N, C-alpha and C. Protein backbone atom coordinates (compact mmCIF):
# COMPACT_ATOMS: atom_id res chain seq x y z
N UNK A 1 23.04 -42.24 28.62
CA UNK A 1 22.20 -42.55 27.81
C UNK A 1 21.69 -43.39 27.89
N UNK A 2 22.39 -44.80 27.50
CA UNK A 2 22.22 -45.90 28.06
C UNK A 2 21.66 -46.44 29.13
N UNK A 3 22.07 -46.16 30.44
CA UNK A 3 21.67 -46.74 31.69
C UNK A 3 20.28 -45.99 31.90
N UNK A 4 19.99 -44.69 31.18
CA UNK A 4 18.50 -43.78 31.41
C UNK A 4 17.05 -45.54 30.34
N UNK A 5 18.22 -45.16 29.52
CA UNK A 5 17.05 -45.93 28.35
C UNK A 5 16.45 -47.37 29.33
N UNK A 6 17.48 -48.18 29.37
CA UNK A 6 17.66 -49.29 30.35
C UNK A 6 16.82 -49.67 32.09
N UNK A 7 17.15 -48.64 32.47
CA UNK A 7 16.77 -47.59 33.77
C UNK A 7 14.96 -47.69 33.49
N UNK A 8 14.02 -46.75 32.15
CA UNK A 8 13.01 -46.78 31.73
C UNK A 8 12.61 -47.84 31.46
N UNK A 9 12.98 -48.51 30.68
CA UNK A 9 12.37 -49.91 30.05
C UNK A 9 12.44 -51.11 31.30
N UNK A 10 13.33 -51.08 32.54
CA UNK A 10 12.78 -51.51 33.50
C UNK A 10 11.46 -51.29 34.34
N UNK A 11 11.40 -49.70 34.50
CA UNK A 11 10.35 -49.58 35.09
C UNK A 11 8.59 -49.51 34.55
N UNK A 12 9.18 -49.34 33.19
CA UNK A 12 7.81 -49.77 32.56
C UNK A 12 7.41 -51.32 32.22
N UNK A 13 8.67 -51.78 31.90
CA UNK A 13 8.23 -53.92 32.23
C UNK A 13 7.50 -54.06 33.95
N UNK A 14 8.17 -53.46 35.17
CA UNK A 14 7.96 -54.05 36.64
C UNK A 14 6.03 -53.05 36.42
N UNK A 15 5.67 -52.14 36.07
CA UNK A 15 4.63 -51.37 36.05
C UNK A 15 3.85 -52.62 35.49
N UNK A 16 3.82 -52.31 34.29
CA UNK A 16 2.94 -53.24 33.13
C UNK A 16 2.44 -55.00 33.92
N UNK A 17 3.85 -55.53 34.88
CA UNK A 17 3.77 -56.57 35.30
C UNK A 17 3.23 -56.63 36.38
N UNK A 18 2.89 -55.45 37.54
CA UNK A 18 1.76 -55.23 38.96
C UNK A 18 1.14 -54.71 38.85
N UNK A 19 0.48 -54.40 36.91
CA UNK A 19 -0.31 -53.87 36.82
C UNK A 19 -1.49 -54.94 36.49
N UNK A 20 -0.61 -56.17 35.24
CA UNK A 20 -1.01 -56.94 35.39
C UNK A 20 -1.66 -58.35 36.52
N UNK A 21 -0.76 -57.88 37.39
CA UNK A 21 -1.19 -58.60 38.75
C UNK A 21 -2.25 -58.47 39.54
N UNK A 22 -2.36 -57.65 39.87
CA UNK A 22 -3.10 -56.57 39.93
C UNK A 22 -4.74 -56.77 39.40
N UNK A 23 -4.95 -56.76 38.08
CA UNK A 23 -5.71 -56.91 37.34
C UNK A 23 -6.19 -58.49 37.40
N UNK A 24 -5.54 -59.04 37.49
CA UNK A 24 -5.77 -60.88 37.85
C UNK A 24 -6.36 -61.09 38.92
N UNK A 25 -5.86 -60.48 40.11
CA UNK A 25 -5.87 -60.46 41.33
C UNK A 25 -7.46 -60.70 41.60
N UNK A 26 -7.39 -59.13 40.76
CA UNK A 26 -8.83 -58.57 41.02
C UNK A 26 -10.01 -59.37 40.33
N UNK A 27 -9.90 -59.87 39.58
CA UNK A 27 -10.87 -60.84 38.45
C UNK A 27 -10.72 -62.53 39.15
N UNK A 28 -9.57 -62.83 39.86
CA UNK A 28 -9.94 -63.98 40.67
C UNK A 28 -10.57 -63.54 42.04
N UNK A 29 -10.45 -63.00 42.38
CA UNK A 29 -11.54 -62.60 44.08
C UNK A 29 -12.90 -62.33 43.07
N UNK A 30 -13.04 -61.90 42.41
CA UNK A 30 -14.54 -61.90 41.81
C UNK A 30 -15.18 -63.02 41.42
N UNK A 31 -13.97 -63.65 40.68
CA UNK A 31 -14.85 -65.17 40.23
C UNK A 31 -14.72 -65.72 41.26
N UNK A 32 -14.16 -66.15 42.42
CA UNK A 32 -13.66 -66.62 44.26
C UNK A 32 -15.39 -65.92 44.36
N UNK A 33 -15.58 -65.13 44.56
CA UNK A 33 -16.71 -64.34 44.96
C UNK A 33 -17.98 -65.19 44.66
N UNK A 34 -18.22 -65.35 43.63
CA UNK A 34 -19.28 -65.40 42.34
C UNK A 34 -19.40 -66.90 43.06
N UNK A 35 -17.70 -67.78 43.22
CA UNK A 35 -18.39 -69.16 42.89
C UNK A 35 -18.72 -69.26 44.50
N UNK A 36 -18.31 -68.39 45.60
CA UNK A 36 -18.62 -68.92 46.62
C UNK A 36 -20.05 -68.80 46.90
N UNK A 37 -20.45 -67.66 45.98
CA UNK A 37 -21.98 -67.96 46.37
C UNK A 37 -22.69 -69.03 45.78
N UNK A 38 -22.54 -69.37 44.86
CA UNK A 38 -22.59 -71.07 44.47
C UNK A 38 -22.24 -72.34 44.78
N UNK A 39 -21.19 -72.10 45.54
CA UNK A 39 -20.69 -73.60 45.94
C UNK A 39 -21.37 -73.10 47.63
N UNK A 40 -21.12 -72.55 48.32
CA UNK A 40 -21.53 -72.09 49.47
C UNK A 40 -20.17 -72.28 50.27
N UNK A 41 -20.45 -72.31 51.60
CA UNK A 41 -19.46 -72.38 52.38
C UNK A 41 -18.24 -73.58 52.62
N UNK A 42 -19.00 -74.67 52.23
CA UNK A 42 -18.25 -76.15 52.29
C UNK A 42 -17.05 -76.17 50.88
N UNK A 43 -17.73 -75.48 49.80
CA UNK A 43 -16.42 -75.77 48.90
C UNK A 43 -15.86 -74.85 48.23
N UNK A 44 -15.17 -73.36 49.68
CA UNK A 44 -15.18 -72.32 49.41
C UNK A 44 -13.16 -72.21 49.81
N UNK A 45 -12.60 -73.40 49.68
CA UNK A 45 -11.15 -73.78 49.37
C UNK A 45 -10.92 -73.96 48.05
N UNK A 46 -12.09 -74.11 47.39
CA UNK A 46 -11.84 -74.34 45.86
C UNK A 46 -11.32 -73.20 44.78
N UNK A 47 -12.17 -73.06 45.30
CA UNK A 47 -12.18 -71.14 45.27
C UNK A 47 -10.93 -70.55 45.37
N UNK A 48 -10.41 -70.92 46.68
CA UNK A 48 -8.93 -70.14 47.01
C UNK A 48 -8.30 -70.93 45.91
N UNK A 49 -8.25 -71.96 46.29
CA UNK A 49 -7.17 -72.71 44.84
C UNK A 49 -7.25 -72.28 43.36
N UNK A 50 -8.14 -72.02 42.98
CA UNK A 50 -8.37 -71.74 41.27
C UNK A 50 -7.96 -70.18 41.61
N UNK A 51 -8.19 -69.47 42.58
CA UNK A 51 -7.67 -67.79 42.57
C UNK A 51 -6.16 -67.74 42.83
N UNK A 52 -5.86 -68.45 43.39
CA UNK A 52 -4.23 -68.64 43.66
C UNK A 52 -3.37 -69.07 42.31
N UNK A 53 -4.03 -69.82 41.52
CA UNK A 53 -3.32 -70.97 40.36
C UNK A 53 -3.73 -69.33 39.02
N UNK A 54 -4.82 -68.62 39.36
CA UNK A 54 -4.83 -67.23 38.65
C UNK A 54 -3.67 -66.70 38.65
N UNK A 55 -2.98 -66.02 40.38
CA UNK A 55 -1.89 -65.64 40.93
C UNK A 55 -0.82 -66.18 39.75
N UNK A 56 -0.53 -67.90 40.53
CA UNK A 56 0.45 -68.28 40.09
C UNK A 56 0.63 -67.36 37.92
N UNK A 57 -0.34 -67.74 37.63
CA UNK A 57 0.28 -67.25 36.23
C UNK A 57 1.15 -66.45 36.24
N UNK A 58 0.05 -65.20 36.82
CA UNK A 58 0.19 -63.91 36.70
C UNK A 58 2.03 -64.18 36.80
N UNK A 59 2.18 -64.60 38.20
CA UNK A 59 3.75 -64.69 38.61
C UNK A 59 4.89 -65.03 37.52
N UNK A 60 4.19 -66.16 36.80
CA UNK A 60 5.03 -67.00 36.30
C UNK A 60 5.38 -66.32 34.94
N UNK A 61 5.02 -65.36 34.60
CA UNK A 61 4.67 -64.32 33.22
C UNK A 61 5.83 -63.99 33.02
N UNK A 62 6.34 -64.41 31.40
CA UNK A 62 7.24 -64.14 30.70
C UNK A 62 7.93 -62.54 31.10
N UNK A 63 7.06 -61.64 31.20
CA UNK A 63 7.48 -60.23 31.94
C UNK A 63 7.84 -60.28 32.92
N UNK A 64 7.83 -60.95 34.03
CA UNK A 64 8.74 -61.59 35.16
C UNK A 64 10.28 -61.84 35.32
N UNK A 65 10.01 -62.92 34.40
CA UNK A 65 10.96 -63.65 33.91
C UNK A 65 12.14 -62.82 33.11
N UNK A 66 11.80 -61.83 32.18
CA UNK A 66 12.62 -61.44 31.07
C UNK A 66 13.63 -60.86 31.47
N UNK A 67 14.85 -61.05 31.27
CA UNK A 67 16.04 -60.15 31.52
C UNK A 67 16.47 -58.72 30.29
N UNK A 68 16.98 -58.17 31.00
CA UNK A 68 17.29 -56.66 30.39
C UNK A 68 18.63 -56.83 29.21
N UNK A 69 18.80 -56.25 28.12
CA UNK A 69 19.84 -56.46 27.41
C UNK A 69 20.84 -55.42 27.64
N UNK A 70 21.76 -55.32 28.55
CA UNK A 70 22.22 -54.28 28.38
C UNK A 70 23.21 -53.98 27.99
N UNK A 71 23.84 -54.52 26.73
CA UNK A 71 23.85 -54.20 25.71
C UNK A 71 23.30 -53.49 24.47
N UNK A 72 21.77 -52.90 24.44
CA UNK A 72 21.13 -52.11 23.43
C UNK A 72 21.25 -50.55 23.85
N UNK A 73 22.02 -49.82 23.11
CA UNK A 73 22.24 -48.24 22.98
C UNK A 73 21.27 -47.42 21.48
N UNK A 74 20.74 -48.47 20.70
CA UNK A 74 20.38 -47.76 19.77
C UNK A 74 18.39 -47.63 19.96
N UNK A 75 17.91 -46.57 19.87
CA UNK A 75 16.15 -46.42 19.55
C UNK A 75 15.51 -47.77 19.06
N UNK A 76 16.41 -48.31 17.63
CA UNK A 76 15.50 -49.30 17.32
C UNK A 76 15.47 -50.37 18.36
N UNK A 77 16.65 -50.95 18.91
CA UNK A 77 16.38 -51.78 19.70
C UNK A 77 15.32 -51.28 20.70
N UNK A 78 15.21 -50.46 21.46
CA UNK A 78 15.12 -49.89 22.28
C UNK A 78 13.64 -50.78 21.79
N UNK A 79 12.94 -49.52 20.78
CA UNK A 79 11.71 -50.16 20.23
C UNK A 79 11.43 -51.34 20.22
N UNK A 80 12.04 -52.50 19.38
CA UNK A 80 11.79 -53.57 19.42
C UNK A 80 11.48 -54.05 20.86
N UNK A 81 12.49 -54.11 21.71
CA UNK A 81 12.26 -53.94 23.11
C UNK A 81 10.86 -53.95 24.00
N UNK A 82 10.22 -52.67 23.37
CA UNK A 82 9.07 -52.50 23.80
C UNK A 82 7.85 -52.77 23.21
N UNK A 83 8.30 -53.75 21.86
CA UNK A 83 7.13 -53.93 21.30
C UNK A 83 7.12 -55.06 21.37
N UNK A 84 8.35 -56.49 22.33
CA UNK A 84 8.53 -57.57 22.57
C UNK A 84 7.45 -57.70 24.35
N UNK A 85 8.15 -56.46 25.06
CA UNK A 85 7.04 -56.07 26.39
C UNK A 85 5.31 -55.84 25.96
N UNK A 86 5.27 -55.36 25.17
CA UNK A 86 3.98 -54.97 24.99
C UNK A 86 2.96 -56.97 24.74
N UNK A 87 3.92 -57.65 23.82
CA UNK A 87 3.86 -59.19 23.36
C UNK A 87 3.75 -60.17 24.21
N UNK A 88 4.70 -60.13 25.27
CA UNK A 88 4.72 -60.30 26.45
C UNK A 88 3.59 -60.20 27.74
N UNK A 89 3.07 -58.68 27.43
CA UNK A 89 1.87 -58.45 28.42
C UNK A 89 0.99 -59.28 28.00
N UNK A 90 0.49 -59.19 26.45
CA UNK A 90 -0.26 -59.74 25.77
C UNK A 90 -0.04 -61.21 26.18
N UNK A 91 0.70 -62.09 26.29
CA UNK A 91 0.58 -63.30 26.06
C UNK A 91 0.12 -63.55 28.05
N UNK A 92 0.83 -62.63 29.01
CA UNK A 92 0.21 -63.06 30.08
C UNK A 92 -1.09 -62.55 30.17
N UNK A 93 -1.61 -62.15 29.83
CA UNK A 93 -3.15 -61.31 29.98
C UNK A 93 -3.89 -62.68 29.22
N UNK A 94 -3.28 -63.43 27.85
CA UNK A 94 -4.38 -64.45 27.64
C UNK A 94 -3.84 -65.65 28.33
N UNK A 95 -3.00 -65.49 29.20
CA UNK A 95 -2.27 -66.39 29.81
C UNK A 95 -3.97 -66.84 31.32
N UNK A 96 -3.60 -65.45 31.95
CA UNK A 96 -4.87 -64.93 33.01
C UNK A 96 -6.32 -65.57 32.52
N UNK A 97 -6.48 -64.75 31.48
CA UNK A 97 -7.90 -65.10 30.63
C UNK A 97 -8.00 -67.31 30.97
N UNK A 98 -7.44 -67.18 30.62
CA UNK A 98 -7.24 -69.00 30.28
C UNK A 98 -8.03 -69.27 31.36
N UNK A 99 -6.70 -69.05 32.92
CA UNK A 99 -7.08 -69.65 33.67
C UNK A 99 -8.46 -69.07 34.26
N UNK A 100 -8.96 -67.69 33.90
CA UNK A 100 -10.51 -67.68 34.31
C UNK A 100 -11.38 -68.47 33.98
N UNK A 101 -11.17 -68.28 32.67
CA UNK A 101 -12.24 -69.48 31.84
C UNK A 101 -12.36 -70.96 32.33
N UNK A 102 -11.20 -71.35 32.96
CA UNK A 102 -11.33 -72.57 33.53
C UNK A 102 -12.20 -72.89 35.00
N UNK A 103 -11.70 -71.41 35.67
CA UNK A 103 -12.01 -71.24 36.32
C UNK A 103 -14.08 -71.13 36.77
N UNK A 104 -14.26 -70.52 35.56
CA UNK A 104 -16.20 -70.26 35.43
C UNK A 104 -16.41 -71.70 34.69
N UNK A 105 -15.51 -72.37 33.93
CA UNK A 105 -16.28 -73.51 33.14
C UNK A 105 -16.32 -74.49 35.04
N UNK A 106 -15.31 -74.49 35.44
CA UNK A 106 -15.68 -75.38 36.68
C UNK A 106 -16.77 -74.82 37.67
N UNK A 107 -17.16 -73.54 37.89
CA UNK A 107 -18.28 -73.04 38.32
C UNK A 107 -19.51 -73.59 37.84
N UNK A 108 -19.38 -73.74 36.26
CA UNK A 108 -20.70 -73.91 35.71
C UNK A 108 -21.03 -75.66 36.06
N UNK A 109 -19.70 -76.21 35.82
CA UNK A 109 -19.70 -77.67 35.96
C UNK A 109 -21.01 -77.97 37.26
N UNK A 110 -20.12 -77.39 38.18
CA UNK A 110 -20.66 -77.32 39.97
C UNK A 110 -22.09 -76.92 40.00
N UNK A 111 -22.65 -75.99 38.97
CA UNK A 111 -24.28 -75.71 39.26
C UNK A 111 -25.03 -76.28 38.61
N UNK A 112 -24.21 -76.85 37.37
CA UNK A 112 -24.85 -78.39 36.63
C UNK A 112 -25.66 -79.54 37.47
N UNK A 113 -24.73 -79.42 39.01
CA UNK A 113 -24.50 -80.91 39.00
C UNK A 113 -25.55 -80.65 40.70
N UNK A 114 -25.17 -79.43 40.91
CA UNK A 114 -26.36 -78.82 42.26
C UNK A 114 -27.65 -79.29 41.48
N UNK A 115 -27.62 -77.90 40.56
CA UNK A 115 -29.53 -78.71 39.83
C UNK A 115 -29.64 -80.00 39.79
N UNK A 116 -28.82 -80.70 39.05
CA UNK A 116 -28.78 -82.43 39.09
C UNK A 116 -29.50 -83.15 40.62
N UNK A 117 -28.87 -82.63 41.13
CA UNK A 117 -28.94 -83.18 42.90
C UNK A 117 -30.45 -82.48 43.34
N UNK A 118 -30.23 -81.22 43.21
CA UNK A 118 -31.76 -80.54 43.89
C UNK A 118 -32.98 -81.35 43.05
N UNK A 119 -32.74 -81.98 41.95
CA UNK A 119 -34.08 -82.80 41.14
C UNK A 119 -34.08 -83.97 41.66
N UNK A 120 -32.70 -84.59 41.55
CA UNK A 120 -32.95 -86.21 42.57
C UNK A 120 -33.49 -85.99 44.04
N UNK A 121 -33.40 -85.05 44.78
CA UNK A 121 -33.75 -85.30 46.33
C UNK A 121 -35.24 -84.53 45.77
N UNK A 122 -35.83 -83.79 45.06
CA UNK A 122 -37.01 -83.49 45.06
C UNK A 122 -37.86 -85.05 44.54
N UNK A 123 -37.17 -85.32 43.86
CA UNK A 123 -37.81 -86.91 43.15
C UNK A 123 -38.26 -87.64 44.54
N UNK A 124 -36.65 -87.86 45.00
CA UNK A 124 -36.99 -88.89 46.51
C UNK A 124 -37.79 -88.02 47.57
N UNK A 125 -37.99 -87.28 47.75
CA UNK A 125 -38.32 -86.89 48.90
C UNK A 125 -40.04 -86.96 48.39
N UNK A 126 -40.21 -86.61 46.99
CA UNK A 126 -41.77 -87.11 46.86
C UNK A 126 -42.44 -88.56 46.99
N UNK A 127 -41.25 -89.12 46.62
CA UNK A 127 -41.53 -90.70 46.57
C UNK A 127 -41.87 -91.56 47.89
N UNK A 128 -41.05 -90.80 48.52
CA UNK A 128 -41.20 -90.76 50.13
C UNK A 128 -41.69 -90.76 50.87
N UNK A 129 -42.31 -89.05 50.49
CA UNK A 129 -43.68 -88.73 50.92
C UNK A 129 -45.62 -89.82 50.75
N UNK A 130 -45.10 -89.91 49.15
CA UNK A 130 -46.71 -91.02 49.01
C UNK A 130 -46.74 -92.36 49.47
N UNK A 131 -45.18 -93.05 50.05
CA UNK A 131 -45.08 -93.93 50.72
C UNK A 131 -45.32 -93.96 51.79
N UNK A 132 -44.97 -92.67 52.62
CA UNK A 132 -45.29 -92.44 53.96
C UNK A 132 -47.21 -91.89 54.15
N UNK A 133 -47.67 -91.56 52.74
CA UNK A 133 -49.44 -91.09 52.97
C UNK A 133 -49.93 -92.94 53.00
N UNK A 134 -49.13 -93.48 52.28
CA UNK A 134 -49.84 -95.13 52.39
C UNK A 134 -50.19 -95.83 53.19
N UNK A 135 -49.04 -95.70 54.27
CA UNK A 135 -48.75 -96.59 54.87
C UNK A 135 -50.06 -95.09 56.21
N UNK A 136 -49.77 -94.38 56.42
CA UNK A 136 -50.96 -93.14 57.31
C UNK A 136 -52.34 -93.81 57.33
N UNK A 137 -52.44 -94.07 55.34
CA UNK A 137 -53.89 -94.49 54.85
C UNK A 137 -54.61 -95.91 55.72
N UNK A 138 -53.31 -97.15 55.64
CA UNK A 138 -53.36 -98.05 56.17
C UNK A 138 -53.66 -97.86 57.65
N UNK A 139 -52.68 -96.92 58.31
CA UNK A 139 -53.38 -97.03 60.00
C UNK A 139 -54.54 -96.44 60.06
N UNK A 140 -54.98 -95.41 59.16
CA UNK A 140 -56.08 -94.86 59.60
C UNK A 140 -57.27 -96.23 59.03
N UNK A 141 -56.83 -96.79 57.99
CA UNK A 141 -57.88 -97.44 57.62
C UNK A 141 -58.36 -98.70 59.37
N UNK A 142 -56.89 -98.99 59.91
CA UNK A 142 -57.23 -99.80 60.39
C UNK A 142 -57.77 -99.77 62.04
N UNK A 143 -57.64 -97.95 62.55
CA UNK A 143 -58.43 -97.77 63.05
C UNK A 143 -59.51 -97.17 63.21
N UNK A 144 -60.27 -97.10 61.71
CA UNK A 144 -61.97 -96.65 61.71
C UNK A 144 -62.78 -97.57 61.35
N UNK A 145 -63.47 -98.31 62.30
CA UNK A 145 -63.70 -99.37 62.49
C UNK A 145 -65.06 -98.82 61.52
N UNK A 146 -65.26 -99.39 60.15
CA UNK A 146 -66.58 -99.39 59.41
C UNK A 146 -67.52 -100.30 59.31
């Protein structure tokens, strides 16, 4: 009886861990894809680093490190352990969400930086165009005898 309880508990924890890892990986890939659209090919490695951080958070979860207690044979203890496993899974999900939030903050900052850079480049380009037009007008004035 005790062996079946422990085996069922282990299977449930294993499934919960795999499900959380799969969900975190999918979310990390979606964030990575979105970030690669924003940052372009030169910054694609940052996406992989952020995605790997999400996977690390999931792999270092309390569910993965939790040891099974082999002395539990009461139904009350089994219920408590199931509740603890659920709490650990919730903590794992919070960790994954925190990592995804960090990635989204980085993406937002990069987008703001890129927009600022585009504005600066546009202003500089406009100034250079005006300067070149002034030079061309001076040359034209020298070539046009009045």
